[in-house]
Every structure is written in structure tokens, then in C-alpha cells.
Amino acid sequence: MKITVSQITLGIAVAALAVACNQKPQTTAPTAEKNTVAVSPKAEIVYVNSDSLLSKYDYFKDMSNRLEEKGKRAQVDVSSKGQAFQREVAEYQKGAATLSADQRAATEQRLARKQQELQTYNQNASAQIQQEQGSENAKLYDKIADFMKVYAKDKGYKLILTYSKANPTVLFGDESLNVTNDVVKLLNENYKKDKK
């Protein structure tokens, strides 16, 4: 995996923001040693492991299954049409010697049009699946983002970061700041209510 300068810069910026948001002005002189870090009793910045969130979120599982099933049906449909076209081409090739030149030319033109139509159909089916995936992913993002706004307000969090191994903008997060399990539990409860 290639890490770009912008990803490193973003990671540093997020870390700096996290540190800046957690710092509060000191009203008294510190009494602890220089190397000791004071931890606030209530974290204002937490994170969610998006890999775990998606693998455990029932809505995402159902959405993925629906999209996978639609993709399989589209693939079977395209494959079926392709096999029918191949049979038609094979039949033409068997009987081509018995056809006149005009009949061969007309049949070849018809088959060429049919092949073009099949390619267009395949491209349209793929584009439709991709468009639907994009739409479903947007719904998923909105659903999670809307939930996180309410969750943050209820819990008193100022910032909720996301962590993913695929796109690691958070380099380290203490496990005590990981609220993924709580978020997944509440999201699944809400999804069950919505399904009813």
C-alpha cells in the first residue's frame, strides 16, 4: 500500500487537532513530575474502528447481501444472453456455406449489431450496479454520520475519529477511547427497530 504525502499530512493534522482539542488551560501549577501526563476524567475525543463497525453492523451486512445478489443475477442474465449469442453465431458458421453472399452479409451485419447490443447491455448492467452501490454507500454514510452526531451529543464527545487499516489516518488510539462496540450495539438496535 502506497502512503501519499497528503495522507501523512492529514494524519499529522488530525493528531495535532486531537491534542489541541484535548488541552485545557491550566489554572494551577502542575504538581506532578515533568514526564507525567494528566488524563482528563472524561474523554472528549474518541474513535470508531470502521472495519469492525462495518463487519458487525447488520444494516451493512444486509445491504452487502442485497447488492451481491443483484450483481449475481445481473451476471447470470448477461452470461445467458452471451451464451445465446454464441449459439446463434455457431449456427450461422455451420450453415454459412449454404447461404448466398447477400444472405451471409445480412446475417453478419445482424450478428454484429446483436454483439454491439450485448456489449452495451453488459456495460449498462455494470453501470447500474455501480450506481446502486454508490447510492447505497451514500445512504450508509449518512445513516452512520447522523447517528454519530446524536451519539456524540448524548455522550459529551467533541470529536469522533474513524480508524481503518485500509486508510490509517489515526496512527494510535488508546483502547479506552475506542467506542466501536457501543456504537455497533446501538446502531443494530436502531436498525432492528427500523426493520419492524
Foldseek 3Di string as FASTA:
>chain_A
DDDDPVLQVLLVVVVVVQVVVQDDDDPDDDPDDPPDDDDDPAAQEFEEAVVVLLVLAPVNVVVVVVLVVLVVVLVVVLVVLVVVLVVVVVVCVVCVVVDDPVVNVVSVVVSVVSVVVSVVSNVVSVVVSVVVVVVVVVVVVVLLVVLVVVVSVVRVHPYYYYAYPVRGSHPDDDPVRYCHVVSSVVSNVVVVVVVD
